Amino acid sequence: ESGKRFINPDTDEFSDLLYESTLTRMEKSGWYTQEQ
């Protein structure tokens, strides 16, 4: 049931989860150099 957990939008966790998923997808795309 963890996918249904509520996370308050004004917490660091809310932003951190979006950061992690975005950077993971960007890295997997292969469109950016390691320096980028």
PDB file of all heavy atoms in Angstrom:
ATOM      1  N   GLU A   1       0.804  -1.213   0.000  1.00  0.00           N
ATOM      2  CA  GLU A   1       0.000   0.000   0.000  1.00  0.00           C
ATOM      3  C   GLU A   1       0.846   1.277   0.000  1.00  0.00           C
ATOM      4  O   GLU A   1       0.293   2.374   0.066  1.00  0.00           O
ATOM      5  CB  GLU A   1      -0.919   0.012   1.238  1.00  0.00           C
ATOM      6  CG  GLU A   1      -1.913  -1.144   1.288  1.00  0.00           C
ATOM      7  CD  GLU A   1      -2.980  -1.031   0.218  1.00  0.00           C
ATOM      8  OE1 GLU A   1      -3.627   0.022   0.140  1.00  0.00           O
ATOM      9  OE2 GLU A   1      -3.149  -1.991  -0.556  1.00  0.00           O
ATOM     10  N   SER A   2       2.166   1.149  -0.070  1.00  0.00           N
ATOM     11  CA  SER A   2       3.030   2.326   0.103  1.00  0.00           C
ATOM     12  C   SER A   2       2.809   3.376  -0.979  1.00  0.00           C
ATOM     13  O   SER A   2       3.038   4.566  -0.744  1.00  0.00           O
ATOM     14  CB  SER A   2       4.506   1.900   0.124  1.00  0.00           C
ATOM     15  OG  SER A   2       4.868   1.289  -1.109  1.00  0.00           O
ATOM     16  N   GLY A   3       2.384   2.965  -2.176  1.00  0.00           N
ATOM     17  CA  GLY A   3       2.170   3.927  -3.252  1.00  0.00           C
ATOM     18  C   GLY A   3       1.054   4.911  -2.977  1.00  0.00           C
ATOM     19  O   GLY A   3       0.965   5.946  -3.628  1.00  0.00           O
ATOM     20  N   LYS A   4       0.208   4.597  -1.986  1.00  0.00           N
ATOM     21  CA  LYS A   4      -0.914   5.480  -1.654  1.00  0.00           C
ATOM     22  C   LYS A   4      -0.589   6.429  -0.500  1.00  0.00           C
ATOM     23  O   LYS A   4      -1.428   7.238  -0.107  1.00  0.00           O
ATOM     24  CB  LYS A   4      -2.149   4.653  -1.306  1.00  0.00           C
ATOM     25  CG  LYS A   4      -2.648   3.798  -2.464  1.00  0.00           C
ATOM     26  CD  LYS A   4      -4.021   3.206  -2.187  1.00  0.00           C
ATOM     27  CE  LYS A   4      -3.972   2.143  -1.126  1.00  0.00           C
ATOM     28  NZ  LYS A   4      -5.310   1.499  -0.953  1.00  0.00           N
ATOM     29  N   ARG A   5       0.609   6.336   0.037  1.00  0.00           N
ATOM     30  CA  ARG A   5       0.971   7.155   1.200  1.00  0.00           C
ATOM     31  C   ARG A   5       0.909   8.639   0.861  1.00  0.00           C
ATOM     32  O   ARG A   5       1.414   9.075  -0.182  1.00  0.00           O
ATOM     33  CB  ARG A   5       2.382   6.775   1.669  1.00  0.00           C
ATOM     34  CG  ARG A   5       2.849   7.567   2.901  1.00  0.00           C
ATOM     35  CD  ARG A   5       4.091   6.934   3.517  1.00  0.00           C
ATOM     36  NE  ARG A   5       5.243   7.013   2.646  1.00  0.00           N
ATOM     37  CZ  ARG A   5       6.125   8.012   2.676  1.00  0.00           C
ATOM     38  NH1 ARG A   5       5.963   9.036   3.504  1.00  0.00           N
ATOM     39  NH2 ARG A   5       7.183   7.995   1.871  1.00  0.00           N
ATOM     40  N   PHE A   6       0.304   9.420   1.749  1.00  0.00           N
ATOM     41  CA  PHE A   6       0.222  10.866   1.554  1.00  0.00           C
ATOM     42  C   PHE A   6       1.509  11.524   2.041  1.00  0.00           C
ATOM     43  O   PHE A   6       1.999  11.227   3.133  1.00  0.00           O
ATOM     44  CB  PHE A   6      -0.963  11.448   2.311  1.00  0.00           C
ATOM     45  CG  PHE A   6      -1.031  12.954   2.245  1.00  0.00           C
ATOM     46  CD1 PHE A   6      -1.513  13.581   1.107  1.00  0.00           C
ATOM     47  CD2 PHE A   6      -0.585  13.731   3.305  1.00  0.00           C
ATOM     48  CE1 PHE A   6      -1.562  14.972   1.036  1.00  0.00           C
ATOM     49  CE2 PHE A   6      -0.639  15.113   3.244  1.00  0.00           C
ATOM     50  CZ  PHE A   6      -1.133  15.737   2.102  1.00  0.00           C
ATOM     51  N   ILE A   7       2.045  12.422   1.225  1.00  0.00           N
ATOM     52  CA  ILE A   7       3.241  13.180   1.581  1.00  0.00           C
ATOM     53  C   ILE A   7       2.894  14.665   1.480  1.00  0.00           C
ATOM     54  O   ILE A   7       2.446  15.133   0.426  1.00  0.00           O
ATOM     55  CB  ILE A   7       4.415  12.843   0.652  1.00  0.00           C
ATOM     56  CG1 ILE A   7       4.756  11.352   0.768  1.00  0.00           C
ATOM     57  CG2 ILE A   7       5.639  13.699   0.990  1.00  0.00           C
ATOM     58  CD1 ILE A   7       5.779  10.881  -0.234  1.00  0.00           C
ATOM     59  N   ASN A   8       3.060  15.370   2.552  1.00  0.00           N
ATOM     60  CA  ASN A   8       2.719  16.783   2.568  1.00  0.00           C
ATOM     61  C   ASN A   8       3.576  17.538   1.550  1.00  0.00           C
ATOM     62  O   ASN A   8       4.796  17.402   1.540  1.00  0.00           O
ATOM     63  CB  ASN A   8       2.941  17.361   3.961  1.00  0.00           C
ATOM     64  CG  ASN A   8       2.168  18.640   4.184  1.00  0.00           C
ATOM     65  OD1 ASN A   8       2.133  19.505   3.328  1.00  0.00           O
ATOM     66  ND2 ASN A   8       1.535  18.741   5.346  1.00  0.00           N
ATOM     67  N   PRO A   9       2.947  18.339   0.680  1.00  0.00           N
ATOM     68  CA  PRO A   9       3.702  19.009  -0.389  1.00  0.00           C
ATOM     69  C   PRO A   9       4.772  19.978   0.092  1.00  0.00           C
ATOM     70  O   PRO A   9       5.728  20.236  -0.642  1.00  0.00           O
ATOM     71  CB  PRO A   9       2.614  19.760  -1.173  1.00  0.00           C
ATOM     72  CG  PRO A   9       1.349  19.059  -0.841  1.00  0.00           C
ATOM     73  CD  PRO A   9       1.508  18.569   0.562  1.00  0.00           C
ATOM     74  N   ASP A  10       4.628  20.525   1.312  1.00  0.00           N
ATOM     75  CA  ASP A  10       5.621  21.510   1.751  1.00  0.00           C
ATOM     76  C   ASP A  10       6.757  20.890   2.559  1.00  0.00           C
ATOM     77  O   ASP A  10       7.507  21.598   3.245  1.00  0.00           O
ATOM     78  CB  ASP A  10       4.955  22.635   2.547  1.00  0.00           C
ATOM     79  CG  ASP A  10       4.281  22.149   3.820  1.00  0.00           C
ATOM     80  OD1 ASP A  10       4.197  20.919   4.003  1.00  0.00           O
ATOM     81  OD2 ASP A  10       3.841  23.005   4.615  1.00  0.00           O
ATOM     82  N   THR A  11       6.932  19.559   2.438  1.00  0.00           N
ATOM     83  CA  THR A  11       8.045  18.897   3.111  1.00  0.00           C
ATOM     84  C   THR A  11       9.192  18.652   2.135  1.00  0.00           C
ATOM     85  O   THR A  11       8.998  18.607   0.922  1.00  0.00           O
ATOM     86  CB  THR A  11       7.605  17.553   3.710  1.00  0.00           C
ATOM     87  OG1 THR A  11       7.173  16.685   2.643  1.00  0.00           O
ATOM     88  CG2 THR A  11       6.462  17.750   4.693  1.00  0.00           C
ATOM     89  N   ASP A  12      10.386  18.469   2.692  1.00  0.00           N
ATOM     90  CA  ASP A  12      11.542  18.154   1.854  1.00  0.00           C
ATOM     91  C   ASP A  12      11.362  16.820   1.137  1.00  0.00           C
ATOM     92  O   ASP A  12      11.849  16.641   0.011  1.00  0.00           O
ATOM     93  CB  ASP A  12      12.813  18.107   2.709  1.00  0.00           C
ATOM     94  CG  ASP A  12      13.269  19.484   3.164  1.00  0.00           C
ATOM     95  OD1 ASP A  12      12.870  20.481   2.523  1.00  0.00           O
ATOM     96  OD2 ASP A  12      14.005  19.557   4.161  1.00  0.00           O
ATOM     97  N   GLU A  13      10.662  15.882   1.764  1.00  0.00           N
ATOM     98  CA  GLU A  13      10.477  14.566   1.145  1.00  0.00           C
ATOM     99  C   GLU A  13       9.746  14.676  -0.186  1.00  0.00           C
ATOM    100  O   GLU A  13      10.086  13.976  -1.145  1.00  0.00           O
ATOM    101  CB  GLU A  13       9.711  13.631   2.080  1.00  0.00           C
ATOM    102  CG  GLU A  13       9.591  12.216   1.524  1.00  0.00           C
ATOM    103  CD  GLU A  13       8.813  11.284   2.432  1.00  0.00           C
ATOM    104  OE1 GLU A  13       8.151  11.776   3.374  1.00  0.00           O
ATOM    105  OE2 GLU A  13       8.848  10.060   2.188  1.00  0.00           O
ATOM    106  N   PHE A  14       8.761  15.536  -0.252  1.00  0.00           N
ATOM    107  CA  PHE A  14       7.996  15.737  -1.482  1.00  0.00           C
ATOM    108  C   PHE A  14       8.928  16.141  -2.625  1.00  0.00           C
ATOM    109  O   PHE A  14       8.931  15.552  -3.708  1.00  0.00           O
ATOM    110  CB  PHE A  14       6.932  16.811  -1.253  1.00  0.00           C
ATOM    111  CG  PHE A  14       5.919  16.951  -2.360  1.00  0.00           C
ATOM    112  CD1 PHE A  14       4.709  16.286  -2.295  1.00  0.00           C
ATOM    113  CD2 PHE A  14       6.165  17.774  -3.450  1.00  0.00           C
ATOM    114  CE1 PHE A  14       3.757  16.419  -3.299  1.00  0.00           C
ATOM    115  CE2 PHE A  14       5.233  17.918  -4.462  1.00  0.00           C
ATOM    116  CZ  PHE A  14       4.026  17.237  -4.387  1.00  0.00           C
ATOM    117  N   SER A  15       9.763  17.145  -2.387  1.00  0.00           N
ATOM    118  CA  SER A  15      10.700  17.625  -3.399  1.00  0.00           C
ATOM    119  C   SER A  15      11.789  16.609  -3.679  1.00  0.00           C
ATOM    120  O   SER A  15      12.178  16.393  -4.839  1.00  0.00           O
ATOM    121  CB  SER A  15      11.321  18.952  -2.942  1.00  0.00           C
ATOM    122  OG  SER A  15      12.210  19.462  -3.906  1.00  0.00           O
ATOM    123  N   ASP A  16      12.299  15.948  -2.630  1.00  0.00           N
ATOM    124  CA  ASP A  16      13.405  15.002  -2.806  1.00  0.00           C
ATOM    125  C   ASP A  16      12.998  13.809  -3.666  1.00  0.00           C
ATOM    126  O   ASP A  16      13.787  13.325  -4.495  1.00  0.00           O
ATOM    127  CB  ASP A  16      13.893  14.509  -1.445  1.00  0.00           C
ATOM    128  CG  ASP A  16      14.626  15.591  -0.656  1.00  0.00           C
ATOM    129  OD1 ASP A  16      14.975  16.624  -1.261  1.00  0.00           O
ATOM    130  OD2 ASP A  16      14.830  15.396   0.564  1.00  0.00           O
ATOM    131  N   LEU A  17      11.777  13.314  -3.491  1.00  0.00           N
ATOM    132  CA  LEU A  17      11.316  12.182  -4.295  1.00  0.00           C
ATOM    133  C   LEU A  17      11.229  12.556  -5.774  1.00  0.00           C
ATOM    134  O   LEU A  17      11.577  11.759  -6.655  1.00  0.00           O
ATOM    135  CB  LEU A  17       9.959  11.689  -3.788  1.00  0.00           C
ATOM    136  CG  LEU A  17       9.985  10.915  -2.466  1.00  0.00           C
ATOM    137  CD1 LEU A  17       8.569  10.722  -1.934  1.00  0.00           C
ATOM    138  CD2 LEU A  17      10.667   9.563  -2.657  1.00  0.00           C
ATOM    139  N   LEU A  18      10.780  13.759  -6.052  1.00  0.00           N
ATOM    140  CA  LEU A  18      10.707  14.212  -7.439  1.00  0.00           C
ATOM    141  C   LEU A  18      12.101  14.427  -8.020  1.00  0.00           C
ATOM    142  O   LEU A  18      12.335  14.146  -9.199  1.00  0.00           O
ATOM    143  CB  LEU A  18       9.881  15.500  -7.526  1.00  0.00           C
ATOM    144  CG  LEU A  18       8.394  15.340  -7.194  1.00  0.00           C
ATOM    145  CD1 LEU A  18       7.707  16.698  -7.133  1.00  0.00           C
ATOM    146  CD2 LEU A  18       7.711  14.449  -8.228  1.00  0.00           C
ATOM    147  N   TYR A  19      13.013  14.912  -7.197  1.00  0.00           N
ATOM    148  CA  TYR A  19      14.398  15.075  -7.645  1.00  0.00           C
ATOM    149  C   TYR A  19      15.010  13.730  -8.018  1.00  0.00           C
ATOM    150  O   TYR A  19      15.619  13.579  -9.083  1.00  0.00           O
ATOM    151  CB  TYR A  19      15.219  15.747  -6.538  1.00  0.00           C
ATOM    152  CG  TYR A  19      16.710  15.745  -6.781  1.00  0.00           C
ATOM    153  CD1 TYR A  19      17.276  16.594  -7.717  1.00  0.00           C
ATOM    154  CD2 TYR A  19      17.543  14.890  -6.055  1.00  0.00           C
ATOM    155  CE1 TYR A  19      18.653  16.599  -7.941  1.00  0.00           C
ATOM    156  CE2 TYR A  19      18.909  14.884  -6.274  1.00  0.00           C
ATOM    157  CZ  TYR A  19      19.456  15.739  -7.213  1.00  0.00           C
ATOM    158  OH  TYR A  19      20.809  15.730  -7.439  1.00  0.00           O
ATOM    159  N   GLU A  20      14.840  12.745  -7.150  1.00  0.00           N
ATOM    160  CA  GLU A  20      15.450  11.434  -7.383  1.00  0.00           C
ATOM    161  C   GLU A  20      14.890  10.775  -8.642  1.00  0.00           C
ATOM    162  O   GLU A  20      15.646  10.223  -9.457  1.00  0.00           O
ATOM    163  CB  GLU A  20      15.215  10.536  -6.168  1.00  0.00           C
ATOM    164  CG  GLU A  20      15.982  10.986  -4.933  1.00  0.00           C
ATOM    165  CD  GLU A  20      15.525  10.284  -3.672  1.00  0.00           C
ATOM    166  OE1 GLU A  20      14.696   9.347  -3.788  1.00  0.00           O
ATOM    167  OE2 GLU A  20      15.975  10.667  -2.582  1.00  0.00           O
ATOM    168  N   SER A  21      13.577  10.819  -8.821  1.00  0.00           N
ATOM    169  CA  SER A  21      12.987  10.180  -9.994  1.00  0.00           C
ATOM    170  C   SER A  21      13.375  10.912 -11.275  1.00  0.00           C
ATOM    171  O   SER A  21      13.629  10.287 -12.307  1.00  0.00           O
ATOM    172  CB  SER A  21      11.462  10.128  -9.862  1.00  0.00           C
ATOM    173  OG  SER A  21      10.892  11.423  -9.835  1.00  0.00           O
ATOM    174  N   THR A  22      13.465  12.236 -11.219  1.00  0.00           N
ATOM    175  CA  THR A  22      13.827  13.012 -12.407  1.00  0.00           C
ATOM    176  C   THR A  22      15.266  12.742 -12.819  1.00  0.00           C
ATOM    177  O   THR A  22      15.548  12.479 -14.002  1.00  0.00           O
ATOM    178  CB  THR A  22      13.627  14.514 -12.151  1.00  0.00           C
ATOM    179  OG1 THR A  22      12.247  14.768 -11.849  1.00  0.00           O
ATOM    180  CG2 THR A  22      14.024  15.332 -13.373  1.00  0.00           C
ATOM    181  N   LEU A  23      16.185  12.807 -11.875  1.00  0.00           N
ATOM    182  CA  LEU A  23      17.591  12.582 -12.207  1.00  0.00           C
ATOM    183  C   LEU A  23      17.840  11.146 -12.669  1.00  0.00           C
ATOM    184  O   LEU A  23      18.677  10.905 -13.556  1.00  0.00           O
ATOM    185  CB  LEU A  23      18.479  12.920 -11.007  1.00  0.00           C
ATOM    186  CG  LEU A  23      18.994  14.371 -10.923  1.00  0.00           C
ATOM    187  CD1 LEU A  23      20.025  14.618 -12.024  1.00  0.00           C
ATOM    188  CD2 LEU A  23      17.859  15.389 -11.039  1.00  0.00           C
ATOM    189  N   THR A  24      17.120  10.185 -12.099  1.00  0.00           N
ATOM    190  CA  THR A  24      17.260   8.792 -12.534  1.00  0.00           C
ATOM    191  C   THR A  24      16.816   8.636 -13.980  1.00  0.00           C
ATOM    192  O   THR A  24      17.499   7.986 -14.790  1.00  0.00           O
ATOM    193  CB  THR A  24      16.423   7.865 -11.631  1.00  0.00           C
ATOM    194  OG1 THR A  24      16.934   7.932 -10.296  1.00  0.00           O
ATOM    195  CG2 THR A  24      16.500   6.422 -12.116  1.00  0.00           C
ATOM    196  N   ARG A  25      15.697   9.229 -14.333  1.00  0.00           N
ATOM    197  CA  ARG A  25      15.202   9.138 -15.711  1.00  0.00           C
ATOM    198  C   ARG A  25      16.119   9.871 -16.682  1.00  0.00           C
ATOM    199  O   ARG A  25      16.361   9.396 -17.800  1.00  0.00           O
ATOM    200  CB  ARG A  25      13.777   9.706 -15.800  1.00  0.00           C
ATOM    201  CG  ARG A  25      12.740   8.853 -15.066  1.00  0.00           C
ATOM    202  CD  ARG A  25      11.434   9.599 -14.874  1.00  0.00           C
ATOM    203  NE  ARG A  25      10.853   9.974 -16.151  1.00  0.00           N
ATOM    204  CZ  ARG A  25      10.298  11.156 -16.403  1.00  0.00           C
ATOM    205  NH1 ARG A  25      10.262  12.089 -15.466  1.00  0.00           N
ATOM    206  NH2 ARG A  25       9.766  11.412 -17.568  1.00  0.00           N
ATOM    207  N   MET A  26      16.640  11.019 -16.269  1.00  0.00           N
ATOM    208  CA  MET A  26      17.543  11.768 -17.135  1.00  0.00           C
ATOM    209  C   MET A  26      18.821  10.974 -17.396  1.00  0.00           C
ATOM    210  O   MET A  26      19.328  10.939 -18.522  1.00  0.00           O
ATOM    211  CB  MET A  26      17.857  13.129 -16.521  1.00  0.00           C
ATOM    212  CG  MET A  26      16.676  14.076 -16.462  1.00  0.00           C
ATOM    213  SD  MET A  26      17.072  15.697 -15.744  1.00  0.00           S
ATOM    214  CE  MET A  26      18.038  16.420 -17.065  1.00  0.00           C
ATOM    215  N   GLU A  27      19.338  10.330 -16.353  1.00  0.00           N
ATOM    216  CA  GLU A  27      20.570   9.545 -16.518  1.00  0.00           C
ATOM    217  C   GLU A  27      20.328   8.340 -17.431  1.00  0.00           C
ATOM    218  O   GLU A  27      21.144   8.022 -18.295  1.00  0.00           O
ATOM    219  CB  GLU A  27      21.075   9.088 -15.155  1.00  0.00           C
ATOM    220  CG  GLU A  27      22.420   8.385 -15.219  1.00  0.00           C
ATOM    221  CD  GLU A  27      22.974   8.081 -13.841  1.00  0.00           C
ATOM    222  OE1 GLU A  27      22.175   7.958 -12.882  1.00  0.00           O
ATOM    223  OE2 GLU A  27      24.203   7.971 -13.709  1.00  0.00           O
ATOM    224  N   LYS A  28      19.186   7.662 -17.250  1.00  0.00           N
ATOM    225  CA  LYS A  28      18.873   6.499 -18.068  1.00  0.00           C
ATOM    226  C   LYS A  28      18.660   6.858 -19.532  1.00  0.00           C
ATOM    227  O   LYS A  28      18.856   6.032 -20.424  1.00  0.00           O
ATOM    228  CB  LYS A  28      17.627   5.795 -17.527  1.00  0.00           C
ATOM    229  CG  LYS A  28      17.872   5.014 -16.248  1.00  0.00           C
ATOM    230  CD  LYS A  28      16.610   4.282 -15.810  1.00  0.00           C
ATOM    231  CE  LYS A  28      16.847   3.439 -14.566  1.00  0.00           C
ATOM    232  NZ  LYS A  28      15.619   2.734 -14.125  1.00  0.00           N
ATOM    233  N   SER A  29      18.256   8.095 -19.788  1.00  0.00           N
ATOM    234  CA  SER A  29      17.993   8.508 -21.172  1.00  0.00           C
ATOM    235  C   SER A  29      19.263   8.504 -22.016  1.00  0.00           C
ATOM    236  O   SER A  29      19.208   8.305 -23.236  1.00  0.00           O
ATOM    237  CB  SER A  29      17.368   9.910 -21.197  1.00  0.00           C
ATOM    238  OG  SER A  29      18.339  10.910 -20.892  1.00  0.00           O
ATOM    239  N   GLY A  30      20.408   8.756 -21.385  1.00  0.00           N
ATOM    240  CA  GLY A  30      21.659   8.825 -22.120  1.00  0.00           C
ATOM    241  C   GLY A  30      21.852  10.103 -22.902  1.00  0.00           C
ATOM    242  O   GLY A  30      22.772  10.208 -23.725  1.00  0.00           O
ATOM    243  N   TRP A  31      21.023  11.091 -22.658  1.00  0.00           N
ATOM    244  CA  TRP A  31      21.080  12.343 -23.415  1.00  0.00           C
ATOM    245  C   TRP A  31      22.047  13.356 -22.818  1.00  0.00           C
ATOM    246  O   TRP A  31      22.300  14.398 -23.424  1.00  0.00           O
ATOM    247  CB  TRP A  31      19.684  12.982 -23.474  1.00  0.00           C
ATOM    248  CG  TRP A  31      18.635  12.099 -24.092  1.00  0.00           C
ATOM    249  CD1 TRP A  31      18.829  11.061 -24.966  1.00  0.00           C
ATOM    250  CD2 TRP A  31      17.232  12.160 -23.860  1.00  0.00           C
ATOM    251  NE1 TRP A  31      17.633  10.485 -25.301  1.00  0.00           N
ATOM    252  CE2 TRP A  31      16.629  11.132 -24.644  1.00  0.00           C
ATOM    253  CE3 TRP A  31      16.405  12.983 -23.091  1.00  0.00           C
ATOM    254  CZ2 TRP A  31      15.249  10.911 -24.663  1.00  0.00           C
ATOM    255  CZ3 TRP A  31      15.038  12.765 -23.097  1.00  0.00           C
ATOM    256  CH2 TRP A  31      14.470  11.739 -23.873  1.00  0.00           C
ATOM    257  N   TYR A  32      22.564  13.079 -21.621  1.00  0.00           N
ATOM    258  CA  TYR A  32      23.369  14.069 -20.923  1.00  0.00           C
ATOM    259  C   TYR A  32      24.714  13.464 -20.532  1.00  0.00           C
ATOM    260  O   TYR A  32      24.814  12.284 -20.213  1.00  0.00           O
ATOM    261  CB  TYR A  32      22.627  14.556 -19.656  1.00  0.00           C
ATOM    262  CG  TYR A  32      21.217  15.011 -19.944  1.00  0.00           C
ATOM    263  CD1 TYR A  32      20.135  14.134 -19.806  1.00  0.00           C
ATOM    264  CD2 TYR A  32      20.959  16.308 -20.374  1.00  0.00           C
ATOM    265  CE1 TYR A  32      18.845  14.533 -20.079  1.00  0.00           C
ATOM    266  CE2 TYR A  32      19.665  16.724 -20.653  1.00  0.00           C
ATOM    267  CZ  TYR A  32      18.608  15.833 -20.511  1.00  0.00           C
ATOM    268  OH  TYR A  32      17.329  16.231 -20.790  1.00  0.00           O
ATOM    269  N   THR A  33      25.746  14.292 -20.553  1.00  0.00           N
ATOM    270  CA  THR A  33      27.072  13.840 -20.149  1.00  0.00           C
ATOM    271  C   THR A  33      27.137  13.721 -18.629  1.00  0.00           C
ATOM    272  O   THR A  33      26.278  14.260 -17.902  1.00  0.00           O
ATOM    273  CB  THR A  33      28.140  14.830 -20.618  1.00  0.00           C
ATOM    274  OG1 THR A  33      27.952  16.087 -19.918  1.00  0.00           O
ATOM    275  CG2 THR A  33      28.051  15.069 -22.123  1.00  0.00           C
ATOM    276  N   GLN A  34      28.167  13.055 -18.147  1.00  0.00           N
ATOM    277  CA  GLN A  34      28.354  12.923 -16.708  1.00  0.00           C
ATOM    278  C   GLN A  34      28.547  14.285 -16.065  1.00  0.00           C
ATOM    279  O   GLN A  34      28.053  14.546 -14.953  1.00  0.00           O
ATOM    280  CB  GLN A  34      29.560  12.026 -16.410  1.00  0.00           C
ATOM    281  CG  GLN A  34      29.750  11.724 -14.930  1.00  0.00           C
ATOM    282  CD  GLN A  34      28.567  10.987 -14.327  1.00  0.00           C
ATOM    283  OE1 GLN A  34      27.949  10.148 -14.980  1.00  0.00           O
ATOM    284  NE2 GLN A  34      28.240  11.313 -13.082  1.00  0.00           N
ATOM    285  N   GLU A  35      29.256  15.161 -16.757  1.00  0.00           N
ATOM    286  CA  GLU A  35      29.465  16.515 -16.230  1.00  0.00           C
ATOM    287  C   GLU A  35      28.142  17.262 -16.101  1.00  0.00           C
ATOM    288  O   GLU A  35      27.910  17.981 -15.103  1.00  0.00           O
ATOM    289  CB  GLU A  35      30.415  17.296 -17.139  1.00  0.00           C
ATOM    290  CG  GLU A  35      31.864  16.822 -17.112  1.00  0.00           C
ATOM    291  CD  GLU A  35      32.072  15.524 -17.889  1.00  0.00           C
ATOM    292  OE1 GLU A  35      31.181  15.163 -18.703  1.00  0.00           O
ATOM    293  OE2 GLU A  35      33.105  14.870 -17.681  1.00  0.00           O
ATOM    294  N   GLN A  36      27.260  17.091 -17.091  1.00  0.00           N
ATOM    295  CA  GLN A  36      25.955  17.735 -17.007  1.00  0.00           C
ATOM    296  C   GLN A  36      25.149  17.178 -15.840  1.00  0.00           C
ATOM    297  O   GLN A  36      24.540  17.942 -15.078  1.00  0.00           O
ATOM    298  CB  GLN A  36      25.184  17.538 -18.315  1.00  0.00           C
ATOM    299  CG  GLN A  36      25.654  18.397 -19.468  1.00  0.00           C
ATOM    300  CD  GLN A  36      24.863  18.116 -20.736  1.00  0.00           C
ATOM    301  OE1 GLN A  36      24.861  16.991 -21.243  1.00  0.00           O
ATOM    302  NE2 GLN A  36      24.190  19.129 -21.239  1.00  0.00           N
TER     303      GLN A  36
END
